Amino acid sequence: MPISLDVSQREADICEQRQDWFATLGFEVDRLGPERVMVRQVPALLHEADIAALVRDVLSDLLEHGESQRITESINELLSTMACHGSVRANRRLNVAEMNALLREMEITERSGQCNHGRPTWVKIGLDELDKLFLRGR
């Protein structure tokens, strides 16, 4: 459903000027009047977000800073949550084929050394450390 927003004239002006930018992010935002805009389309990932608040914050950022990362950050936050929910959980046993597939994916995935929360996804342990763990040589 389209969302009609009352905004300042400056916000409506910047919205009209940046229509193409909004479109590249999956938004269709049109100016309806001197102080009114209409959000007609949003990215499917953001369908449950507070679109009115997001658009108001983006317009405020554009006026104050000339740019805004809020939409991209909102999408990235949602994607990282989805990735976390789809990840291999503790105590889940993988078969050899699943382990190998996971390792091959990690080799080609950017920043695969940590999860989206910043926790490491793997650690390197040398032979000396392994020997200590298993009390070898004592």
Protein backbone atom coordinates (compact mmCIF):
# COMPACT_ATOMS: atom_id res chain seq x y z
CA MET A 1 0.00 0.00 0.00
CA PRO A 2 1.37 3.43 -0.87
CA ILE A 3 2.40 5.62 2.06
CA SER A 4 1.77 9.35 1.93
CA LEU A 5 4.09 11.50 4.05
CA ASP A 6 3.90 15.12 5.08
CA VAL A 7 7.42 16.54 4.87
CA SER A 8 9.07 19.95 4.72
CA GLN A 9 9.44 21.67 1.37
CA ARG A 10 13.22 21.13 1.50
CA GLU A 11 12.68 17.39 2.14
CA ALA A 12 10.22 17.19 -0.76
CA ASP A 13 12.73 19.02 -2.97
CA ILE A 14 15.58 16.64 -2.10
CA CYS A 15 13.26 13.65 -2.53
CA GLU A 16 12.36 14.84 -6.02
CA GLN A 17 16.01 15.51 -6.88
CA ARG A 18 17.13 12.07 -5.65
CA GLN A 19 14.35 9.95 -7.19
CA ASP A 20 16.87 8.01 -9.31
CA TRP A 21 19.00 7.30 -6.22
CA PHE A 22 15.95 6.01 -4.34
CA ALA A 23 15.12 3.84 -7.37
CA THR A 24 18.56 2.21 -7.33
CA LEU A 25 17.79 1.14 -3.75
CA GLY A 26 14.42 -0.33 -4.73
CA PHE A 27 12.22 2.58 -3.66
CA GLU A 28 9.72 4.47 -5.75
CA VAL A 29 9.13 7.82 -4.07
CA ASP A 30 7.19 10.57 -5.85
CA ARG A 31 6.48 14.15 -4.93
CA LEU A 32 2.75 14.82 -4.56
CA GLY A 33 2.88 18.47 -3.59
CA PRO A 34 4.99 21.22 -2.06
CA GLU A 35 5.21 19.37 1.27
CA ARG A 36 4.05 15.83 0.49
CA VAL A 37 5.68 12.69 -0.91
CA MET A 38 4.29 9.24 -1.71
CA VAL A 39 6.23 6.02 -1.22
CA ARG A 40 4.84 3.62 -3.81
CA GLN A 41 7.41 0.83 -3.76
CA VAL A 42 9.98 -0.56 -1.30
CA PRO A 43 12.42 -3.46 -1.47
CA ALA A 44 10.70 -6.74 -0.56
CA LEU A 45 13.21 -7.28 2.26
CA LEU A 46 11.96 -4.14 4.01
CA HIS A 47 8.24 -4.87 3.76
CA GLU A 48 7.93 -5.13 7.57
CA ALA A 49 10.09 -2.08 8.34
CA ASP A 50 8.70 1.27 9.46
CA ILE A 51 8.95 2.75 5.98
CA ALA A 52 7.66 6.20 6.95
CA ALA A 53 10.31 6.58 9.65
CA LEU A 54 13.03 5.20 7.37
CA VAL A 55 12.20 7.61 4.54
CA ARG A 56 12.00 10.55 6.96
CA ASP A 57 15.42 9.63 8.42
CA VAL A 58 16.92 9.24 4.94
CA LEU A 59 15.58 12.63 3.84
CA SER A 60 16.98 14.20 7.01
CA ASP A 61 20.39 12.60 6.33
CA LEU A 62 20.35 13.80 2.72
CA LEU A 63 19.65 17.36 3.80
CA GLU A 64 22.19 17.35 6.60
CA HIS A 65 25.01 15.27 5.08
CA GLY A 66 24.24 15.00 1.36
CA GLU A 67 24.09 11.20 1.63
CA SER A 68 22.53 8.41 3.62
CA GLN A 69 23.40 4.78 4.27
CA ARG A 70 20.26 3.99 6.28
CA ILE A 71 18.51 1.95 3.59
CA THR A 72 21.62 -0.07 2.81
CA GLU A 73 22.26 -0.59 6.53
CA SER A 74 18.67 -1.73 7.09
CA ILE A 75 18.91 -4.23 4.25
CA ASN A 76 22.33 -5.46 5.42
CA GLU A 77 21.08 -5.89 8.99
CA LEU A 78 18.17 -7.97 7.76
CA LEU A 79 20.40 -10.05 5.49
CA SER A 80 22.88 -10.71 8.29
CA THR A 81 20.03 -11.83 10.56
CA MET A 82 18.80 -14.17 7.83
CA ALA A 83 22.34 -15.51 7.35
CA CYS A 84 22.69 -16.10 11.08
CA HIS A 85 19.38 -17.97 11.25
CA GLY A 86 20.43 -20.13 8.30
CA SER A 87 23.87 -20.90 9.66
CA VAL A 88 25.13 -24.18 11.09
CA ARG A 89 24.24 -24.18 14.77
CA ALA A 90 26.27 -25.58 17.65
CA ASN A 91 25.98 -29.34 18.19
CA ARG A 92 24.63 -29.96 14.69
CA ARG A 93 26.55 -32.83 13.16
CA LEU A 94 27.51 -32.40 9.54
CA ASN A 95 28.35 -35.31 7.27
CA VAL A 96 31.65 -35.29 5.36
CA ALA A 97 30.05 -33.98 2.16
CA GLU A 98 28.43 -31.07 4.06
CA MET A 99 31.72 -30.25 5.80
CA ASN A 100 33.61 -30.21 2.50
CA ALA A 101 30.95 -28.07 0.82
CA LEU A 102 31.04 -25.60 3.73
CA LEU A 103 34.83 -25.36 3.56
CA ARG A 104 34.77 -24.77 -0.23
CA GLU A 105 32.18 -22.01 0.23
CA MET A 106 34.29 -20.40 2.96
CA GLU A 107 37.30 -20.34 0.63
CA ILE A 108 35.45 -18.12 -1.86
CA THR A 109 33.40 -16.04 0.60
CA GLU A 110 34.58 -12.58 1.58
CA ARG A 111 35.20 -12.13 5.33
CA SER A 112 34.33 -15.76 6.09
CA GLY A 113 36.74 -15.71 9.03
CA GLN A 114 34.06 -14.27 11.31
CA CYS A 115 30.29 -14.32 11.63
CA ASN A 116 28.19 -11.19 11.29
CA HIS A 117 28.46 -10.74 15.08
CA GLY A 118 32.26 -10.64 14.88
CA ARG A 119 32.91 -14.09 16.32
CA PRO A 120 35.58 -16.21 14.62
CA THR A 121 34.31 -19.02 12.38
CA TRP A 122 37.60 -20.91 12.50
CA VAL A 123 40.96 -20.87 14.27
CA LYS A 124 44.35 -22.15 13.24
CA ILE A 125 46.01 -24.50 15.72
CA GLY A 126 49.58 -25.64 15.24
CA LEU A 127 50.85 -29.15 15.94
CA ASP A 128 52.50 -28.02 19.19
CA GLU A 129 49.17 -26.67 20.46
CA LEU A 130 47.38 -29.86 19.46
CA ASP A 131 49.96 -31.95 21.29
CA LYS A 132 49.42 -29.84 24.42
CA LEU A 133 45.66 -30.32 24.19
CA PHE A 134 46.04 -34.08 24.12
CA LEU A 135 48.95 -34.16 26.60
CA ARG A 136 51.25 -35.70 24.02
CA GLY A 137 54.85 -36.08 25.08
CA ARG A 138 54.08 -36.25 28.82
